Amino acid sequence: MTHDLAPGLGWVPSSCTLPSAEQPLRVAEFDALFADAVRGVARPERTRLRLELVLSPENAARAAELAARENGCCSFFAFGLSIAAGSLTLDVAVPAEHVEVLDALQARVGAVAPL
C-alpha cells in the first residue's frame, strides 16, 4: 500500500511540506545524485537504507546539501553521511510508519543508479 506517497512523484511522501511545484525538481536532484554517485545499495534494517557513493568531495557535498534540504521538508527522515576507510556512505532512516517511503526511495535508486 502506498497511502503515504504523493501520486506521480515516486518516493515523495504525501506529508512533504515542500511546495508542490518544487517537488519534481527535488526528485530530479536526487535522481542525478543516484545516477552519478551510487555504486552500491544495502538495506541493513527495514527502516534504514545505506547508499554507497563514489568517494569524492563533490559527492559528499551534494549528498550533505540534499539531505539537509530534504530534512527541512520531510523531518521524519534521518540522514547520516560518513567518510571512513576510503568510502562514502549515505544512510537514510525512517520511523516504522514511513517504511513505504523508504521502500519507494530504494526502488527509485534501483531504477536510476547504474548498478
N, C-alpha and C. Protein backbone atom coordinates (compact mmCIF):
# COMPACT_ATOMS: atom_id res chain seq x y z
N MET A 1 0.84 -1.17 0.00
CA MET A 1 0.00 0.00 0.00
C MET A 1 0.90 1.24 0.00
N THR A 2 0.50 2.27 -0.74
CA THR A 2 1.31 3.48 -0.82
C THR A 2 0.50 4.71 -0.45
N HIS A 3 -0.22 4.64 0.66
CA HIS A 3 -1.05 5.77 1.07
C HIS A 3 -0.23 6.96 1.56
N ASP A 4 1.05 6.78 1.82
CA ASP A 4 1.88 7.87 2.32
C ASP A 4 2.69 8.53 1.21
N LEU A 5 2.45 8.16 -0.05
CA LEU A 5 3.24 8.70 -1.16
C LEU A 5 2.40 9.64 -2.01
N ALA A 6 3.02 10.72 -2.45
CA ALA A 6 2.34 11.66 -3.34
C ALA A 6 2.14 11.00 -4.70
N PRO A 7 0.96 11.12 -5.27
CA PRO A 7 0.71 10.49 -6.57
C PRO A 7 1.64 11.05 -7.65
N GLY A 8 2.24 10.14 -8.42
CA GLY A 8 3.03 10.53 -9.56
C GLY A 8 4.44 11.01 -9.27
N LEU A 9 4.86 11.02 -8.01
CA LEU A 9 6.19 11.54 -7.70
C LEU A 9 7.10 10.47 -7.11
N GLY A 10 6.79 9.22 -7.32
CA GLY A 10 7.68 8.15 -6.86
C GLY A 10 7.73 8.04 -5.36
N TRP A 11 8.85 8.44 -4.77
CA TRP A 11 9.05 8.23 -3.34
C TRP A 11 8.67 9.43 -2.49
N VAL A 12 8.18 10.51 -3.06
CA VAL A 12 7.86 11.71 -2.28
C VAL A 12 6.67 11.42 -1.37
N PRO A 13 6.84 11.60 -0.06
CA PRO A 13 5.73 11.34 0.87
C PRO A 13 4.66 12.41 0.76
N SER A 14 3.41 12.02 0.94
CA SER A 14 2.31 12.98 0.86
C SER A 14 2.41 14.03 1.96
N SER A 15 3.13 13.75 3.03
CA SER A 15 3.29 14.69 4.13
C SER A 15 4.37 15.73 3.88
N CYS A 16 5.03 15.67 2.73
CA CYS A 16 6.12 16.60 2.41
C CYS A 16 5.59 18.03 2.42
N THR A 17 6.33 18.95 3.05
CA THR A 17 5.92 20.35 3.12
C THR A 17 6.58 21.21 2.05
N LEU A 18 7.41 20.61 1.19
CA LEU A 18 8.00 21.34 0.09
C LEU A 18 6.87 21.75 -0.86
N PRO A 19 6.86 23.00 -1.33
CA PRO A 19 5.80 23.38 -2.27
C PRO A 19 5.71 22.41 -3.44
N SER A 20 4.50 22.09 -3.85
CA SER A 20 4.26 21.09 -4.90
C SER A 20 5.05 21.35 -6.17
N ALA A 21 5.19 22.61 -6.56
CA ALA A 21 5.92 22.93 -7.78
C ALA A 21 7.40 22.59 -7.67
N GLU A 22 7.94 22.58 -6.45
CA GLU A 22 9.36 22.29 -6.25
C GLU A 22 9.66 20.80 -6.08
N GLN A 23 8.65 20.00 -5.79
CA GLN A 23 8.88 18.58 -5.53
C GLN A 23 9.51 17.84 -6.71
N PRO A 24 9.04 18.03 -7.95
CA PRO A 24 9.70 17.33 -9.07
C PRO A 24 11.16 17.75 -9.25
N LEU A 25 11.48 18.99 -8.93
CA LEU A 25 12.86 19.46 -9.03
C LEU A 25 13.74 18.76 -8.01
N ARG A 26 13.23 18.57 -6.80
CA ARG A 26 14.00 17.88 -5.76
C ARG A 26 14.19 16.42 -6.13
N VAL A 27 13.15 15.79 -6.66
CA VAL A 27 13.26 14.40 -7.12
C VAL A 27 14.35 14.31 -8.18
N ALA A 28 14.37 15.27 -9.11
CA ALA A 28 15.38 15.27 -10.17
C ALA A 28 16.79 15.43 -9.59
N GLU A 29 16.94 16.23 -8.54
CA GLU A 29 18.25 16.38 -7.91
C GLU A 29 18.72 15.07 -7.27
N PHE A 30 17.81 14.38 -6.61
CA PHE A 30 18.16 13.08 -6.03
C PHE A 30 18.45 12.08 -7.14
N ASP A 31 17.65 12.08 -8.20
CA ASP A 31 17.91 11.17 -9.32
C ASP A 31 19.31 11.39 -9.88
N ALA A 32 19.72 12.65 -10.02
CA ALA A 32 21.05 12.95 -10.54
C ALA A 32 22.13 12.42 -9.61
N LEU A 33 21.94 12.60 -8.30
CA LEU A 33 22.90 12.06 -7.34
C LEU A 33 22.95 10.53 -7.45
N PHE A 34 21.79 9.90 -7.51
CA PHE A 34 21.76 8.44 -7.61
C PHE A 34 22.47 7.97 -8.88
N ALA A 35 22.19 8.62 -10.00
CA ALA A 35 22.76 8.21 -11.28
C ALA A 35 24.27 8.44 -11.34
N ASP A 36 24.72 9.53 -10.75
CA ASP A 36 26.14 9.90 -10.83
C ASP A 36 27.00 9.23 -9.77
N ALA A 37 26.44 8.97 -8.59
CA ALA A 37 27.31 8.64 -7.46
C ALA A 37 27.06 7.29 -6.78
N VAL A 38 25.87 6.72 -6.89
CA VAL A 38 25.59 5.48 -6.16
C VAL A 38 26.30 4.31 -6.83
N ARG A 39 27.04 3.56 -6.02
CA ARG A 39 27.70 2.37 -6.55
C ARG A 39 27.35 1.11 -5.76
N GLY A 40 26.49 1.26 -4.76
CA GLY A 40 26.03 0.12 -4.00
C GLY A 40 24.85 0.50 -3.12
N VAL A 41 23.97 -0.47 -2.87
CA VAL A 41 22.77 -0.25 -2.05
C VAL A 41 22.65 -1.42 -1.09
N ALA A 42 22.35 -1.11 0.16
CA ALA A 42 22.10 -2.16 1.16
C ALA A 42 20.92 -1.74 2.02
N ARG A 43 20.26 -2.72 2.58
CA ARG A 43 19.12 -2.47 3.47
C ARG A 43 19.40 -3.21 4.77
N PRO A 44 20.27 -2.65 5.65
CA PRO A 44 20.65 -3.35 6.87
C PRO A 44 19.51 -3.55 7.85
N GLU A 45 18.48 -2.71 7.75
CA GLU A 45 17.29 -2.83 8.59
C GLU A 45 16.09 -2.42 7.74
N ARG A 46 14.93 -2.83 8.17
CA ARG A 46 13.71 -2.48 7.44
C ARG A 46 13.52 -0.97 7.35
N THR A 47 13.99 -0.26 8.35
CA THR A 47 13.80 1.19 8.41
C THR A 47 15.05 1.98 8.04
N ARG A 48 16.05 1.31 7.46
CA ARG A 48 17.29 2.01 7.12
C ARG A 48 17.81 1.53 5.77
N LEU A 49 18.19 2.49 4.95
CA LEU A 49 18.76 2.24 3.64
C LEU A 49 20.17 2.82 3.64
N ARG A 50 21.13 2.07 3.11
CA ARG A 50 22.51 2.56 3.03
C ARG A 50 22.91 2.62 1.56
N LEU A 51 23.36 3.82 1.15
CA LEU A 51 23.83 4.03 -0.21
C LEU A 51 25.34 4.23 -0.16
N GLU A 52 26.05 3.40 -0.89
CA GLU A 52 27.49 3.58 -1.03
C GLU A 52 27.71 4.48 -2.23
N LEU A 53 28.39 5.60 -1.99
CA LEU A 53 28.62 6.59 -3.04
C LEU A 53 30.07 6.57 -3.48
N VAL A 54 30.30 6.98 -4.70
CA VAL A 54 31.66 7.17 -5.19
C VAL A 54 32.29 8.26 -4.33
N LEU A 55 33.43 7.96 -3.75
CA LEU A 55 34.09 8.90 -2.85
C LEU A 55 34.69 10.07 -3.60
N SER A 56 34.18 11.25 -3.32
CA SER A 56 34.74 12.50 -3.84
C SER A 56 34.20 13.63 -2.98
N PRO A 57 34.95 14.73 -2.89
CA PRO A 57 34.44 15.88 -2.14
C PRO A 57 33.12 16.41 -2.72
N GLU A 58 33.00 16.36 -4.05
CA GLU A 58 31.78 16.85 -4.69
C GLU A 58 30.57 16.00 -4.31
N ASN A 59 30.72 14.68 -4.34
CA ASN A 59 29.60 13.80 -3.98
C ASN A 59 29.23 13.95 -2.51
N ALA A 60 30.22 14.10 -1.65
CA ALA A 60 29.95 14.31 -0.23
C ALA A 60 29.18 15.61 -0.03
N ALA A 61 29.59 16.66 -0.70
CA ALA A 61 28.91 17.95 -0.57
C ALA A 61 27.49 17.89 -1.12
N ARG A 62 27.31 17.25 -2.29
CA ARG A 62 25.96 17.13 -2.87
C ARG A 62 25.04 16.34 -1.95
N ALA A 63 25.52 15.22 -1.45
CA ALA A 63 24.70 14.38 -0.58
C ALA A 63 24.33 15.13 0.70
N ALA A 64 25.30 15.81 1.29
CA ALA A 64 25.04 16.54 2.54
C ALA A 64 24.04 17.66 2.32
N GLU A 65 24.22 18.40 1.25
CA GLU A 65 23.33 19.53 0.96
C GLU A 65 21.91 19.05 0.67
N LEU A 66 21.76 18.00 -0.13
CA LEU A 66 20.42 17.46 -0.41
C LEU A 66 19.77 16.89 0.85
N ALA A 67 20.54 16.18 1.66
CA ALA A 67 19.99 15.62 2.89
C ALA A 67 19.50 16.72 3.82
N ALA A 68 20.27 17.79 3.95
CA ALA A 68 19.87 18.90 4.82
C ALA A 68 18.59 19.55 4.32
N ARG A 69 18.50 19.78 3.01
CA ARG A 69 17.28 20.39 2.46
C ARG A 69 16.08 19.46 2.58
N GLU A 70 16.30 18.16 2.36
CA GLU A 70 15.20 17.20 2.44
C GLU A 70 14.68 17.10 3.86
N ASN A 71 15.58 17.15 4.82
CA ASN A 71 15.17 17.07 6.22
C ASN A 71 14.33 18.29 6.61
N GLY A 72 14.51 19.40 5.90
CA GLY A 72 13.73 20.59 6.18
C GLY A 72 12.27 20.48 5.80
N CYS A 73 11.94 19.62 4.83
CA CYS A 73 10.55 19.48 4.40
C CYS A 73 9.94 18.14 4.80
N CYS A 74 10.77 17.16 5.04
CA CYS A 74 10.31 15.83 5.48
C CYS A 74 11.13 15.46 6.71
N SER A 75 10.75 16.03 7.84
CA SER A 75 11.58 15.94 9.05
C SER A 75 11.66 14.53 9.63
N PHE A 76 10.84 13.60 9.14
CA PHE A 76 10.92 12.23 9.67
C PHE A 76 12.14 11.48 9.16
N PHE A 77 12.74 11.95 8.05
CA PHE A 77 13.97 11.32 7.56
C PHE A 77 15.12 11.60 8.52
N ALA A 78 15.96 10.60 8.73
CA ALA A 78 17.22 10.79 9.44
C ALA A 78 18.32 10.40 8.48
N PHE A 79 19.18 11.34 8.17
CA PHE A 79 20.27 11.11 7.23
C PHE A 79 21.58 11.07 7.99
N GLY A 80 22.46 10.18 7.57
CA GLY A 80 23.80 10.12 8.12
C GLY A 80 24.79 9.95 6.99
N LEU A 81 25.76 10.83 6.93
CA LEU A 81 26.78 10.77 5.89
C LEU A 81 28.09 10.45 6.57
N SER A 82 28.78 9.42 6.08
CA SER A 82 30.05 9.08 6.71
C SER A 82 31.12 8.84 5.65
N ILE A 83 32.32 9.28 6.03
CA ILE A 83 33.51 9.08 5.21
C ILE A 83 34.50 8.34 6.10
N ALA A 84 34.81 7.12 5.72
CA ALA A 84 35.72 6.31 6.53
C ALA A 84 36.34 5.23 5.66
N ALA A 85 37.60 4.94 5.91
CA ALA A 85 38.31 3.86 5.23
C ALA A 85 38.15 3.91 3.71
N GLY A 86 38.20 5.11 3.16
CA GLY A 86 38.13 5.26 1.72
C GLY A 86 36.75 5.07 1.13
N SER A 87 35.70 5.16 1.94
CA SER A 87 34.35 5.02 1.40
C SER A 87 33.46 6.16 1.87
N LEU A 88 32.42 6.41 1.10
CA LEU A 88 31.44 7.44 1.39
C LEU A 88 30.08 6.77 1.42
N THR A 89 29.37 6.87 2.53
CA THR A 89 28.05 6.27 2.63
C THR A 89 27.03 7.29 3.10
N LEU A 90 25.83 7.14 2.56
CA LEU A 90 24.69 7.93 2.98
C LEU A 90 23.66 6.96 3.52
N ASP A 91 23.39 7.07 4.82
CA ASP A 91 22.35 6.27 5.45
C ASP A 91 21.07 7.10 5.51
N VAL A 92 19.95 6.46 5.18
CA VAL A 92 18.65 7.10 5.25
C VAL A 92 17.78 6.23 6.14
N ALA A 93 17.28 6.80 7.21
CA ALA A 93 16.43 6.04 8.14
C ALA A 93 15.10 6.76 8.30
N VAL A 94 14.08 5.96 8.56
CA VAL A 94 12.73 6.49 8.77
C VAL A 94 12.09 5.74 9.93
N PRO A 95 11.10 6.34 10.58
CA PRO A 95 10.32 5.59 11.57
C PRO A 95 9.51 4.50 10.86
N ALA A 96 9.12 3.48 11.59
CA ALA A 96 8.41 2.34 11.01
C ALA A 96 7.16 2.75 10.23
N GLU A 97 6.48 3.80 10.66
CA GLU A 97 5.25 4.21 9.97
C GLU A 97 5.52 4.83 8.59
N HIS A 98 6.78 5.10 8.26
CA HIS A 98 7.14 5.66 6.96
C HIS A 98 8.00 4.71 6.13
N VAL A 99 7.99 3.43 6.46
CA VAL A 99 8.85 2.47 5.76
C VAL A 99 8.49 2.36 4.27
N GLU A 100 7.24 2.60 3.90
CA GLU A 100 6.88 2.52 2.48
C GLU A 100 7.54 3.65 1.68
N VAL A 101 7.82 4.77 2.32
CA VAL A 101 8.56 5.84 1.65
C VAL A 101 9.99 5.37 1.37
N LEU A 102 10.58 4.69 2.35
CA LEU A 102 11.93 4.17 2.18
C LEU A 102 11.96 3.07 1.11
N ASP A 103 10.93 2.23 1.09
CA ASP A 103 10.82 1.21 0.04
C ASP A 103 10.80 1.85 -1.34
N ALA A 104 10.00 2.91 -1.48
CA ALA A 104 9.88 3.59 -2.76
C ALA A 104 11.19 4.31 -3.13
N LEU A 105 11.87 4.87 -2.13
CA LEU A 105 13.16 5.51 -2.39
C LEU A 105 14.18 4.48 -2.88
N GLN A 106 14.20 3.31 -2.25
CA GLN A 106 15.11 2.27 -2.68
C GLN A 106 14.79 1.82 -4.11
N ALA A 107 13.52 1.70 -4.44
CA ALA A 107 13.14 1.32 -5.80
C ALA A 107 13.60 2.39 -6.80
N ARG A 108 13.50 3.64 -6.39
CA ARG A 108 13.94 4.74 -7.27
C ARG A 108 15.44 4.67 -7.52
N VAL A 109 16.21 4.42 -6.45
CA VAL A 109 17.66 4.27 -6.60
C VAL A 109 17.96 3.15 -7.59
N GLY A 110 17.26 2.01 -7.42
CA GLY A 110 17.49 0.87 -8.32
C GLY A 110 17.13 1.17 -9.75
N ALA A 111 16.16 2.04 -9.97
CA ALA A 111 15.75 2.37 -11.33
C ALA A 111 16.68 3.38 -12.00
N VAL A 112 17.37 4.20 -11.20
CA VAL A 112 18.15 5.30 -11.74
C VAL A 112 19.66 5.03 -11.71
N ALA A 113 20.13 4.39 -10.65
CA ALA A 113 21.57 4.19 -10.48
C ALA A 113 22.08 3.06 -11.39
N PRO A 114 23.23 3.25 -12.00
CA PRO A 114 23.79 2.22 -12.89
C PRO A 114 24.52 1.14 -12.08
N LEU A 115 23.76 0.32 -11.38
CA LEU A 115 24.36 -0.72 -10.52
C LEU A 115 24.58 -2.00 -11.29
